[in-house]
C-alpha cells in the first residue's frame, strides 16, 4: 500500500498538535469548575454557547425557563432584559452552530461517564475544548494548502509553527479555546483558500461554499464581514487590473447570486430568533449594552504599541508579518493589495471600538481571527530572508525562535496572573517580565479602565496604587473640585469629554460634571 512520506509542513502540524494537546491536558480547564464559575463556559462563551442548552435541553431559546423557581441560574445564562419584557442573548448564534456536533457528542456520552445531562457538566466543557482544537487544526491544514501555492515547504513549515505557537492563537486554542477566535481563524483561513480556488476555476459549487463560509464568518462576528475584501480584490495588483476585476465579476453574476443566497442560509435561524425575541428580523444586539464604535477618534497607537494591550508588544511576530506586506510582490503579488487593505481596515475598526483593548484578554484577541491571512506576508518575509546571506538567515532564525519562546513565556505570565487582563502598565510589565512568581507590588502599578466611561468614548484609568485617603477625608464638594481640576489638566481627556458632549447634544460643563461625579464616587467608594 502506498504511503505518502511526511513532509516538513506535515511534521510542523504534528508538532503543533502535540504541543496543544499536552498543554490542554496539563491545564485541564474543563475540570476547573466551582460555583458560579466554570473553566470553559465562562465570560463571552456563556452567551455564544447558550443557544444550544436553551434549545435542546431546556426547550426554550427565549429563556423563559429562568422564571422556574426550581432552576438555579448559577451564571449559566446571560441576557439583556428588553423593554418588551423578553430576554435577549446578546451574541449571535454562529458559534453555537460550530459547537453543535461536539455538544451533541457530549450529550450522548454524558451518562456513560456519570455526568449530568445539563449542558454544563465537565464533559460538555471538554468537548468544547475539543472543538476548538479541531477547528484550529482544520484552519492550519488549509493554511498549509494556501502557503504551498506560493512558498517553499521550508517556509511553509516555519510559518505553520510560528502562527499557532508564536502568537496568542495558542492561548485562545488551549486555555480559552471556546472563545470565538480560534473558530474565526479557521473559517477566515478556509475562506481565503476557497477564494484562491474560485479565481483559479470559478464554479457554482465553490461559489456556494464561499457564500456559506462568508455568512458564517459574519454571523459569528459581524465586523468580520470585512473579509469580503479578500473576495473582491484577490488577484488585483494594479489600478488597471481593478477594472478587469469588475468585468470578471460581472461575467460571474450567476455565481455571485449563488454566493448571496448561501450567505443568507446560516443567518436564517438568527433572523427567526431576533423576530421572536425583539419583534424585528434585523436587530443590533449590542445596542442595549451601549456598545459602539467611535470612528472619529481611533486609538491606533494604543492598539499597536501600548503596554495595556499593544498588538506589537504582546504578539511581536505580527510586526514582522506586517513588514512582510512590502515583500509580497515577488511570490504572492496577487494578495498584496487585498491583504494590505484588509489589515488597515481591521486596525481602524478595532481601534475605533469603544473597548479597543478587547476587555479582559491576553493581548488583542480580535486580531487572532486574521492570523491565517497574516501568515501570507509573514511567509513572504521569510522567503525573502531565505535568499539572503547565510548570517542573515541565522539571525532571522534566531529572532523567530526568540519571538516564539517570548510568546510562550508571556502566555505563561498571563495564565499565572503576572500580566493583568486589562490594566497593564510599563512598570507592572517589566517588574514581572522575568519573574518566577508575581511581585505583589505590581498590582499597585496598574491602570484599570472605566468601562462605563469608555462606552461614551471617554477613557479614564484608575491607578490601582493611588492613595485616595485625602480625597475621602475631604468634603464632597471639595473632593469633586479637586478631581475636576485633575481632569481639566488632561487635554486628551477633556477632548474626549467635549466629543461626547457634542454627540449627545449636551453642554460640555454638564458632561464634565457627570464624569467628575462618577470618578469621585468610584475613587471614594461612596
Protein backbone atom coordinates (compact mmCIF):
# COMPACT_ATOMS: atom_id res chain seq x y z
CA UNK A 1 0.00 0.00 0.00
CA UNK A 2 1.31 3.46 -0.94
CA UNK A 3 2.03 5.71 1.99
CA UNK A 4 2.78 9.38 1.46
CA UNK A 5 6.03 10.46 3.06
CA UNK A 6 5.64 13.10 5.75
CA UNK A 7 6.88 16.47 4.56
CA UNK A 8 8.21 19.35 6.68
CA UNK A 9 4.80 21.10 6.75
CA UNK A 10 3.20 17.83 7.89
CA UNK A 11 5.75 17.48 10.69
CA UNK A 12 5.13 21.07 11.71
CA UNK A 13 1.41 20.34 12.08
CA UNK A 14 2.18 17.25 14.16
CA UNK A 15 4.40 19.29 16.47
CA UNK A 16 1.67 21.90 16.90
CA UNK A 17 -0.98 19.27 17.59
CA UNK A 18 1.26 17.56 20.16
CA UNK A 19 2.11 20.79 21.98
CA UNK A 20 -1.54 21.86 22.07
CA UNK A 21 -2.83 18.50 23.30
CA UNK A 22 -0.17 18.28 26.02
CA UNK A 23 -0.85 21.85 27.17
CA UNK A 24 -4.61 21.38 27.11
CA UNK A 25 -4.39 18.18 29.14
CA UNK A 26 -1.94 19.76 31.59
CA UNK A 27 -4.18 22.76 32.17
CA UNK A 28 -7.44 20.68 32.05
CA UNK A 29 -9.71 23.74 32.06
CA UNK A 30 -12.81 21.52 31.77
CA UNK A 31 -12.29 20.39 35.38
CA UNK A 32 -11.71 23.88 36.77
CA UNK A 33 -15.28 24.44 37.87
CA UNK A 34 -16.67 25.97 41.03
CA UNK A 35 -19.96 27.63 41.98
CA UNK A 36 -20.91 30.37 39.50
CA UNK A 37 -17.67 29.91 37.55
CA UNK A 38 -16.63 27.27 35.05
CA UNK A 39 -13.29 26.60 33.46
CA UNK A 40 -14.53 26.75 29.86
CA UNK A 41 -18.12 28.02 29.75
CA UNK A 42 -17.36 31.45 31.16
CA UNK A 43 -17.32 35.09 30.11
CA UNK A 44 -18.37 35.55 26.47
CA UNK A 45 -18.64 31.78 25.92
CA UNK A 46 -21.72 31.80 28.16
CA UNK A 47 -23.56 33.80 25.51
CA UNK A 48 -22.05 32.08 22.47
CA UNK A 49 -22.98 28.66 23.82
CA UNK A 50 -26.33 29.35 25.49
CA UNK A 51 -28.43 28.76 22.36
CA UNK A 52 -27.62 25.03 22.49
CA UNK A 53 -28.64 24.09 26.07
CA UNK A 54 -31.52 26.58 25.98
CA UNK A 55 -32.96 24.96 22.86
CA UNK A 56 -32.09 21.27 23.15
CA UNK A 57 -32.06 20.73 26.93
CA UNK A 58 -34.34 23.34 28.47
CA UNK A 59 -36.63 23.67 25.46
CA UNK A 60 -36.90 27.46 25.26
CA UNK A 61 -34.41 29.66 23.42
CA UNK A 62 -36.24 32.73 24.78
CA UNK A 63 -35.01 31.69 28.27
CA UNK A 64 -38.48 31.56 29.81
CA UNK A 65 -37.35 28.63 32.00
CA UNK A 66 -35.29 31.10 34.08
CA UNK A 67 -38.57 32.01 35.78
CA UNK A 68 -38.93 28.47 37.08
CA UNK A 69 -38.24 28.63 40.85
CA UNK A 70 -36.60 25.22 40.62
CA UNK A 71 -33.97 26.41 38.13
CA UNK A 72 -30.70 27.70 39.58
CA UNK A 73 -29.09 30.05 37.08
CA UNK A 74 -25.66 29.97 38.65
CA UNK A 75 -24.04 32.04 35.89
CA UNK A 76 -25.20 29.64 33.18
CA UNK A 77 -27.14 32.12 31.06
CA UNK A 78 -26.51 35.80 30.41
CA UNK A 79 -29.16 38.04 28.90
CA UNK A 80 -30.26 41.64 28.44
CA UNK A 81 -33.82 42.44 29.51
CA UNK A 82 -35.67 44.22 26.69
CA UNK A 83 -38.40 46.81 27.01
CA UNK A 84 -40.94 44.26 25.74
CA UNK A 85 -40.14 42.03 28.71
CA UNK A 86 -38.17 39.44 26.73
CA UNK A 87 -34.62 38.29 27.41
CA UNK A 88 -32.04 38.79 24.67
CA UNK A 89 -28.90 36.69 24.17
CA UNK A 90 -26.53 39.43 23.05
CA UNK A 91 -24.13 37.46 20.87
CA UNK A 92 -25.26 35.83 17.65
CA UNK A 93 -25.55 32.07 17.30
CA UNK A 94 -22.77 31.40 14.79
CA UNK A 95 -20.50 29.73 17.33
CA UNK A 96 -23.34 27.54 18.56
CA UNK A 97 -23.59 26.18 15.02
CA UNK A 98 -19.90 25.22 15.16
CA UNK A 99 -20.15 23.90 18.72
CA UNK A 100 -23.23 21.80 17.86
CA UNK A 101 -21.61 18.50 16.70
CA UNK A 102 -19.42 18.42 19.81
CA UNK A 103 -22.33 19.44 22.06
CA UNK A 104 -24.39 16.52 20.80
CA UNK A 105 -21.48 14.10 21.24
CA UNK A 106 -21.11 15.25 24.85
CA UNK A 107 -24.86 14.97 25.40
CA UNK A 108 -24.88 11.38 24.14
CA UNK A 109 -21.81 10.33 26.14
CA UNK A 110 -22.62 12.14 29.40
CA UNK A 111 -24.49 9.21 31.04
CA UNK A 112 -21.67 6.80 30.18
CA UNK A 113 -19.27 8.95 32.20
CA UNK A 114 -21.66 9.63 35.05
CA UNK A 115 -22.07 13.28 34.03
CA UNK A 116 -25.24 15.34 34.34
CA UNK A 117 -27.00 15.98 31.03
CA UNK A 118 -27.48 19.64 31.87
CA UNK A 119 -25.26 21.18 29.18
CA UNK A 120 -22.74 22.47 31.72
CA UNK A 121 -21.07 19.47 33.35
CA UNK A 122 -17.40 18.76 32.69
CA UNK A 123 -17.94 16.56 29.66
CA UNK A 124 -19.64 19.40 27.77
CA UNK A 125 -16.72 21.67 28.58
CA UNK A 126 -14.22 19.03 27.49
CA UNK A 127 -15.93 18.66 24.12
CA UNK A 128 -15.99 22.43 23.67
CA UNK A 129 -12.21 22.48 24.04
CA UNK A 130 -12.01 19.52 21.68
CA UNK A 131 -13.99 21.52 19.14
CA UNK A 132 -11.51 24.38 19.41
CA UNK A 133 -8.60 22.04 18.77
CA UNK A 134 -10.41 20.51 15.81
CA UNK A 135 -11.14 23.84 14.13
CA UNK A 136 -7.65 25.23 14.76
CA UNK A 137 -6.03 22.19 13.15
CA UNK A 138 -8.53 22.38 10.28
CA UNK A 139 -7.57 26.01 9.76
CA UNK A 140 -3.87 25.13 9.83
CA UNK A 141 -4.46 22.31 7.33
CA UNK A 142 -5.95 24.78 4.85
CA UNK A 143 -3.30 27.37 5.67
CA UNK A 144 -0.74 24.76 4.63
CA UNK A 145 -2.51 24.48 1.27
CA UNK A 146 -2.55 28.25 0.78
CA UNK A 147 1.13 28.71 1.63
CA UNK A 148 2.31 25.87 -0.57
CA UNK A 149 0.72 27.62 -3.55
CA UNK A 150 3.29 30.40 -3.26
CA UNK A 151 6.17 29.36 -0.99
CA UNK A 152 8.62 26.53 -0.36
CA UNK A 153 8.00 23.68 2.06
CA UNK A 154 10.63 25.05 4.43
CA UNK A 155 8.99 28.49 4.60
CA UNK A 156 5.56 26.90 4.94
CA UNK A 157 6.70 24.65 7.79
CA UNK A 158 8.23 27.55 9.71
CA UNK A 159 5.07 29.66 9.36
CA UNK A 160 2.91 26.70 10.44
CA UNK A 161 4.92 26.61 13.65
CA UNK A 162 5.04 30.36 14.23
CA UNK A 163 1.35 31.19 13.71
CA UNK A 164 -0.11 28.76 16.31
CA UNK A 165 2.80 28.77 18.79
CA UNK A 166 4.27 32.24 18.37
CA UNK A 167 1.02 34.22 18.69
CA UNK A 168 -1.90 34.42 21.12
CA UNK A 169 -3.73 31.93 18.90
CA UNK A 170 -2.01 29.41 21.19
CA UNK A 171 -3.69 30.81 24.29
CA UNK A 172 -7.07 31.03 22.57
CA UNK A 173 -6.76 27.44 21.39
CA UNK A 174 -5.85 25.63 24.60
CA UNK A 175 -6.59 27.89 27.59
CA UNK A 176 -9.71 29.77 26.48
CA UNK A 177 -10.31 27.67 23.41
CA UNK A 178 -14.08 28.05 23.34
CA UNK A 179 -13.83 31.80 22.71
CA UNK A 180 -14.65 32.83 19.15
CA UNK A 181 -11.14 33.48 17.90
CA UNK A 182 -9.84 30.01 17.10
CA UNK A 183 -13.02 29.33 15.12
CA UNK A 184 -12.80 32.63 13.24
CA UNK A 185 -9.16 31.89 12.47
CA UNK A 186 -10.19 28.60 10.88
CA UNK A 187 -13.14 29.97 8.90
CA UNK A 188 -11.30 33.01 7.52
CA UNK A 189 -8.31 30.86 6.55
CA UNK A 190 -10.55 28.37 4.73
CA UNK A 191 -12.35 31.33 3.13
CA UNK A 192 -9.01 32.58 1.76
CA UNK A 193 -8.23 29.14 0.38
CA UNK A 194 -11.62 28.98 -1.37
CA UNK A 195 -11.14 32.49 -2.77
CA UNK A 196 -7.89 31.41 -4.43
CA UNK A 197 -9.59 28.28 -5.78
CA UNK A 198 -12.59 30.21 -7.10
CA UNK A 199 -10.40 32.63 -9.04
CA UNK A 200 -8.42 29.73 -10.49
CA UNK A 201 -11.56 27.94 -11.65
CA UNK A 202 -14.94 29.59 -10.94
CA UNK A 203 -17.89 27.27 -10.37
CA UNK A 204 -21.26 27.13 -8.62
CA UNK A 205 -20.02 24.62 -6.04
CA UNK A 206 -17.14 26.84 -4.97
CA UNK A 207 -19.45 29.87 -5.01
CA UNK A 208 -21.87 28.08 -2.68
CA UNK A 209 -19.09 27.15 -0.25
CA UNK A 210 -17.75 30.72 -0.28
CA UNK A 211 -21.23 32.07 0.44
CA UNK A 212 -21.78 29.69 3.36
CA UNK A 213 -18.35 30.44 4.82
CA UNK A 214 -18.80 34.19 4.44
CA UNK A 215 -22.25 34.07 6.02
CA UNK A 216 -20.96 32.07 8.97
CA UNK A 217 -17.94 34.37 9.41
CA UNK A 218 -20.21 37.42 9.55
CA UNK A 219 -22.69 35.66 11.83
CA UNK A 220 -20.04 34.82 14.42
CA UNK A 221 -18.53 38.30 14.40
CA UNK A 222 -20.37 40.87 12.26
CA UNK A 223 -17.32 43.14 11.95
CA UNK A 224 -15.53 40.29 10.15
CA UNK A 225 -17.73 40.98 7.14
CA UNK A 226 -14.67 42.94 6.02
CA UNK A 227 -13.22 39.59 4.90
CA UNK A 228 -15.18 40.27 1.71
CA UNK A 229 -12.25 42.48 0.69
CA UNK A 230 -10.28 39.28 0.06
CA UNK A 231 -13.00 38.04 -2.27
CA UNK A 232 -13.27 41.36 -4.08
CA UNK A 233 -9.58 42.20 -4.52
CA UNK A 234 -7.62 38.93 -4.50
CA UNK A 235 -5.53 38.94 -7.66
CA UNK A 236 -5.79 42.70 -8.15
CA UNK A 237 -2.26 44.11 -8.21
CA UNK A 238 -2.62 47.36 -10.17
CA UNK A 239 -5.18 50.03 -10.97
CA UNK A 240 -5.54 48.65 -14.48
CA UNK A 241 -6.33 45.16 -13.17
CA UNK A 242 -9.00 46.64 -10.89
CA UNK A 243 -11.18 47.42 -13.89
CA UNK A 244 -10.66 43.91 -15.18
CA UNK A 245 -11.80 42.54 -11.83
CA UNK A 246 -15.18 44.25 -12.09
CA UNK A 247 -15.63 42.95 -15.63
CA UNK A 248 -14.80 39.45 -14.39
CA UNK A 249 -17.33 39.71 -11.55
CA UNK A 250 -19.97 40.92 -13.99
CA UNK A 251 -19.44 37.74 -16.03
CA UNK A 252 -19.77 35.68 -12.85
CA UNK A 253 -23.13 37.20 -11.87
CA UNK A 254 -24.94 33.82 -11.60
CA UNK A 255 -22.21 32.51 -9.29
CA UNK A 256 -22.37 35.69 -7.21
CA UNK A 257 -26.12 35.23 -6.80
CA UNK A 258 -25.44 31.71 -5.52
CA UNK A 259 -22.96 33.21 -3.03
CA UNK A 260 -25.54 35.70 -1.79
CA UNK A 261 -28.20 33.03 -1.33
CA UNK A 262 -25.78 30.76 0.53
CA UNK A 263 -24.58 33.70 2.64
CA UNK A 264 -28.13 34.10 3.96
CA UNK A 265 -28.59 30.43 4.91
CA UNK A 266 -26.58 30.48 8.21
CA UNK A 267 -28.43 33.68 9.16
CA UNK A 268 -31.95 32.23 8.88
CA UNK A 269 -32.10 30.79 12.46
CA UNK A 270 -30.68 34.07 13.81
CA UNK A 271 -33.26 36.18 11.99
CA UNK A 272 -36.04 33.95 13.30
CA UNK A 273 -34.68 34.28 16.84
CA UNK A 274 -34.47 38.07 16.65
CA UNK A 275 -38.01 38.24 15.29
CA UNK A 276 -39.28 36.06 18.15
CA UNK A 277 -37.46 37.94 20.92
CA UNK A 278 -37.31 41.54 19.68
CA UNK A 279 -40.14 41.72 17.16
CA UNK A 280 -37.70 42.72 14.41
CA UNK A 281 -35.96 40.48 11.89
CA UNK A 282 -32.83 42.65 11.97
CA UNK A 283 -31.60 43.85 15.35
CA UNK A 284 -28.42 45.41 16.73
CA UNK A 285 -27.94 43.08 19.67
CA UNK A 286 -25.10 45.19 21.07
CA UNK A 287 -27.31 48.26 21.23
CA UNK A 288 -28.87 47.54 24.66
CA UNK A 289 -25.40 47.46 26.29
CA UNK A 290 -24.38 50.82 24.82
CA UNK A 291 -21.51 49.31 22.84
CA UNK A 292 -20.45 51.28 19.77
CA UNK A 293 -17.65 52.46 17.50
CA UNK A 294 -16.04 55.90 17.72
CA UNK A 295 -14.77 56.26 14.17
CA UNK A 296 -13.69 59.86 14.64
CA UNK A 297 -11.18 59.06 17.38
CA UNK A 298 -9.49 55.68 16.82
CA UNK A 299 -6.82 54.56 19.32
CA UNK A 300 -4.41 53.29 16.69
CA UNK A 301 -1.16 53.91 18.57
CA UNK A 302 -2.62 52.42 21.76
CA UNK A 303 -3.83 49.43 19.79
CA UNK A 304 -0.42 48.72 18.31
CA UNK A 305 2.09 49.81 20.93
CA UNK A 306 0.59 50.37 24.40
CA UNK A 307 1.52 48.30 27.44
CA UNK A 308 -2.18 47.86 28.13
CA UNK A 309 -2.68 45.66 25.05
CA UNK A 310 -0.36 46.71 22.23
CA UNK A 311 -0.55 44.17 19.41
CA UNK A 312 3.11 44.51 18.51
CA UNK A 313 4.14 44.23 22.18
CA UNK A 314 2.16 41.11 23.10
CA UNK A 315 2.37 39.49 19.64
CA UNK A 316 5.58 40.97 18.17
CA UNK A 317 5.82 38.44 15.36
CA UNK A 318 2.91 40.27 13.78
CA UNK A 319 5.13 43.33 13.38
CA UNK A 320 7.29 41.14 11.12
CA UNK A 321 4.21 39.90 9.27
CA UNK A 322 3.09 43.48 8.71
CA UNK A 323 6.52 44.37 7.32
CA UNK A 324 6.21 41.36 5.03
CA UNK A 325 3.38 43.09 3.16
CA UNK A 326 6.05 45.10 1.36
CA UNK A 327 7.71 41.91 0.10
CA UNK A 328 4.69 40.07 -1.25
CA UNK A 329 5.21 41.31 -4.79
CA UNK A 330 7.81 38.67 -5.59
CA UNK A 331 5.97 35.46 -4.68
CA UNK A 332 2.38 36.47 -3.88
CA UNK A 333 1.62 39.70 -5.71
CA UNK A 334 -1.98 38.55 -6.17
CA UNK A 335 -2.67 39.00 -2.46
CA UNK A 336 -0.69 42.16 -1.70
CA UNK A 337 -3.45 44.72 -2.26
CA UNK A 338 -6.25 42.74 -0.66
CA UNK A 339 -4.35 41.72 2.48
CA UNK A 340 -2.89 45.20 2.98
CA UNK A 341 -6.29 46.87 2.73
CA UNK A 342 -7.90 44.18 4.88
CA UNK A 343 -5.32 44.72 7.64
CA UNK A 344 -5.66 48.52 7.52
CA UNK A 345 -9.43 48.28 7.85
CA UNK A 346 -9.15 45.78 10.71
CA UNK A 347 -6.77 48.06 12.58
CA UNK A 348 -9.08 51.04 12.08
CA UNK A 349 -12.20 49.12 13.16
CA UNK A 350 -10.61 47.60 16.26
CA UNK A 351 -9.02 50.92 17.24
CA UNK A 352 -12.43 52.61 16.91
CA UNK A 353 -14.34 50.11 19.07
CA UNK A 354 -15.25 51.54 22.48
CA UNK A 355 -13.21 48.81 24.20
CA UNK A 356 -10.22 48.94 21.88
CA UNK A 357 -8.30 46.77 24.40
CA UNK A 358 -10.78 43.89 23.93
CA UNK A 359 -11.95 43.79 27.54
CA UNK A 360 -10.28 41.07 29.58
CA UNK A 361 -7.87 39.21 27.32
CA UNK A 362 -4.33 38.10 26.62
CA UNK A 363 -3.14 40.59 24.06
CA UNK A 364 -5.54 41.77 21.39
CA UNK A 365 -7.61 38.65 20.87
CA UNK A 366 -9.65 40.06 17.97
CA UNK A 367 -6.54 40.02 15.75
CA UNK A 368 -6.34 36.23 16.19
CA UNK A 369 -9.14 35.97 13.62
CA UNK A 370 -6.86 37.19 10.80
CA UNK A 371 -3.67 35.29 11.60
CA UNK A 372 -4.29 32.90 8.72
CA UNK A 373 -4.27 35.92 6.41
CA UNK A 374 -1.21 37.49 8.06
CA UNK A 375 0.63 34.20 7.62
CA UNK A 376 0.98 35.03 3.92
CA UNK A 377 3.04 38.25 4.31
CA UNK A 378 4.99 36.57 7.12
CA UNK A 379 5.89 33.80 4.69
CA UNK A 380 6.86 36.42 2.10
CA UNK A 381 9.27 37.98 4.59
CA UNK A 382 10.81 34.61 5.49
CA UNK A 383 11.10 33.66 1.84
CA UNK A 384 12.99 36.87 1.13
CA UNK A 385 15.31 36.26 4.07
CA UNK A 386 15.89 32.68 2.93
CA UNK A 387 17.60 34.05 -0.17
CA UNK A 388 19.85 36.39 1.84
CA UNK A 389 23.36 35.76 3.10
CA UNK A 390 23.96 32.89 5.48
CA UNK A 391 24.49 35.07 8.57
CA UNK A 392 21.24 36.93 7.80
CA UNK A 393 19.37 33.63 7.68
CA UNK A 394 20.85 32.55 11.02
CA UNK A 395 19.98 35.89 12.58
CA UNK A 396 16.42 35.69 11.24
CA UNK A 397 16.06 32.16 12.58
CA UNK A 398 17.28 33.30 15.99
CA UNK A 399 14.78 36.18 16.02
CA UNK A 400 11.89 33.88 15.10
CA UNK A 401 12.85 31.35 17.76
CA UNK A 402 13.10 34.14 20.32
CA UNK A 403 9.66 35.51 19.37
CA UNK A 404 8.12 32.04 19.59
CA UNK A 405 9.60 31.48 23.05
CA UNK A 406 8.62 35.01 24.06
CA UNK A 407 5.01 34.27 23.19
CA UNK A 408 5.05 31.07 25.23
CA UNK A 409 6.68 32.95 28.12
CA UNK A 410 4.09 35.74 28.00
CA UNK A 411 1.34 33.13 27.81
CA UNK A 412 2.75 31.60 30.99
CA UNK A 413 2.87 35.04 32.64
CA UNK A 414 -0.74 35.70 31.72
CA UNK A 415 -2.04 32.34 32.96
CA UNK A 416 -0.25 32.91 36.28
CA UNK A 417 -1.62 36.42 36.69
CA UNK A 418 1.68 38.22 36.04
CA UNK A 419 0.08 40.07 33.12
CA UNK A 420 -3.20 41.76 34.03
CA UNK A 421 -6.16 41.23 31.71
CA UNK A 422 -6.91 44.93 31.16
CA UNK A 423 -4.81 47.23 33.35
CA UNK A 424 -1.17 46.66 32.40
CA UNK A 425 1.34 49.47 32.57
CA UNK A 426 5.01 49.72 31.61
CA UNK A 427 6.09 49.47 35.26
CA UNK A 428 4.00 46.37 36.00
CA UNK A 429 5.06 44.66 32.76
CA UNK A 430 8.79 44.95 33.32
CA UNK A 431 8.64 44.21 37.05
CA UNK A 432 7.13 40.78 36.35
CA UNK A 433 8.75 40.03 33.00
CA UNK A 434 11.41 37.65 34.33
CA UNK A 435 9.57 36.60 37.49
CA UNK A 436 9.01 33.05 38.64
CA UNK A 437 6.21 34.21 40.89
CA UNK A 438 4.41 37.55 40.65
CA UNK A 439 5.66 40.55 42.57
CA UNK A 440 2.81 41.72 44.76
CA UNK A 441 3.84 45.33 44.27
CA UNK A 442 2.98 45.07 40.56
CA UNK A 443 -0.71 45.09 41.47
CA UNK A 444 -0.19 48.61 42.77
CA UNK A 445 1.09 49.75 39.35
CA UNK A 446 -1.99 49.06 37.21
CA UNK A 447 -4.30 51.46 35.43
CA UNK A 448 -7.82 49.99 35.40
CA UNK A 449 -10.04 51.41 32.61
CA UNK A 450 -13.53 52.66 33.48
CA UNK A 451 -15.70 50.59 31.15
CA UNK A 452 -18.82 52.71 31.58
CA UNK A 453 -17.00 55.90 30.63
CA UNK A 454 -15.28 54.07 27.77
CA UNK A 455 -18.71 53.24 26.30
CA UNK A 456 -19.11 57.01 25.97
CA UNK A 457 -15.73 57.42 24.31
CA UNK A 458 -14.16 58.79 27.49
CA UNK A 459 -11.06 56.88 28.61
CA UNK A 460 -10.19 57.24 32.27
CA UNK A 461 -7.91 54.84 34.11
CA UNK A 462 -7.87 54.27 37.87
CA UNK A 463 -4.39 53.96 39.35
CA UNK A 464 -4.52 50.77 41.43
CA UNK A 465 -1.80 52.10 43.72
CA UNK A 466 -3.33 55.53 44.30
CA UNK A 467 -3.80 56.60 47.90
CA UNK A 468 -7.19 58.32 47.98
CA UNK A 469 -7.29 58.75 51.73
CA UNK A 470 -7.03 62.53 51.45
CA UNK A 471 -9.80 62.58 48.86
CA UNK A 472 -12.05 60.54 51.14
CA UNK A 473 -11.38 62.85 54.06
CA UNK A 474 -12.45 65.90 52.06
CA UNK A 475 -15.99 67.11 51.80
CA UNK A 476 -17.81 66.01 48.63
CA UNK A 477 -17.77 69.48 47.07
CA UNK A 478 -14.08 69.97 47.73
CA UNK A 479 -13.24 66.45 46.52
CA UNK A 480 -15.14 66.87 43.27
CA UNK A 481 -13.46 70.19 42.65
CA UNK A 482 -10.06 68.52 43.04
CA UNK A 483 -10.99 65.82 40.52
CA UNK A 484 -12.40 68.44 38.15
CA UNK A 485 -9.02 70.23 38.14
CA UNK A 486 -7.21 66.91 37.52
CA UNK A 487 -9.43 66.13 34.53
CA UNK A 488 -9.26 69.62 33.04
CA UNK A 489 -5.48 69.41 33.33
CA UNK A 490 -5.52 66.45 30.93
CA UNK A 491 -6.04 67.80 27.37
CA UNK A 492 -6.71 64.36 25.86
CA UNK A 493 -9.41 63.60 28.42
CA UNK A 494 -11.09 66.99 28.03
CA UNK A 495 -11.21 66.49 24.24
CA UNK A 496 -12.95 63.15 24.74
CA UNK A 497 -15.50 64.73 27.07
CA UNK A 498 -16.15 67.52 24.55
CA UNK A 499 -16.68 64.95 21.77
CA UNK A 500 -19.13 63.05 23.97
CA UNK A 501 -20.99 66.27 24.77
CA UNK A 502 -21.24 67.09 21.05
CA UNK A 503 -22.52 63.57 20.21
CA UNK A 504 -25.17 63.76 22.92
CA UNK A 505 -26.04 67.41 22.17
CA UNK A 506 -25.32 68.44 25.74
CA UNK A 507 -23.32 71.23 27.35
CA UNK A 508 -19.65 70.48 27.98
CA UNK A 509 -19.90 71.54 31.64
CA UNK A 510 -22.75 69.10 32.13
CA UNK A 511 -20.73 66.26 30.57
CA UNK A 512 -17.69 67.20 32.65
CA UNK A 513 -19.79 67.21 35.82
CA UNK A 514 -21.10 63.73 35.01
CA UNK A 515 -17.55 62.39 34.61
CA UNK A 516 -16.33 64.15 37.77
CA UNK A 517 -19.18 62.70 39.79
CA UNK A 518 -18.58 59.17 38.54
CA UNK A 519 -14.83 59.32 39.16
CA UNK A 520 -15.33 60.79 42.62
CA UNK A 521 -17.78 58.09 43.72
CA UNK A 522 -15.57 55.34 42.28
CA UNK A 523 -12.40 56.56 43.98
CA UNK A 524 -14.06 57.22 47.32
CA UNK A 525 -16.26 54.10 47.25
CA UNK A 526 -19.29 56.25 48.07
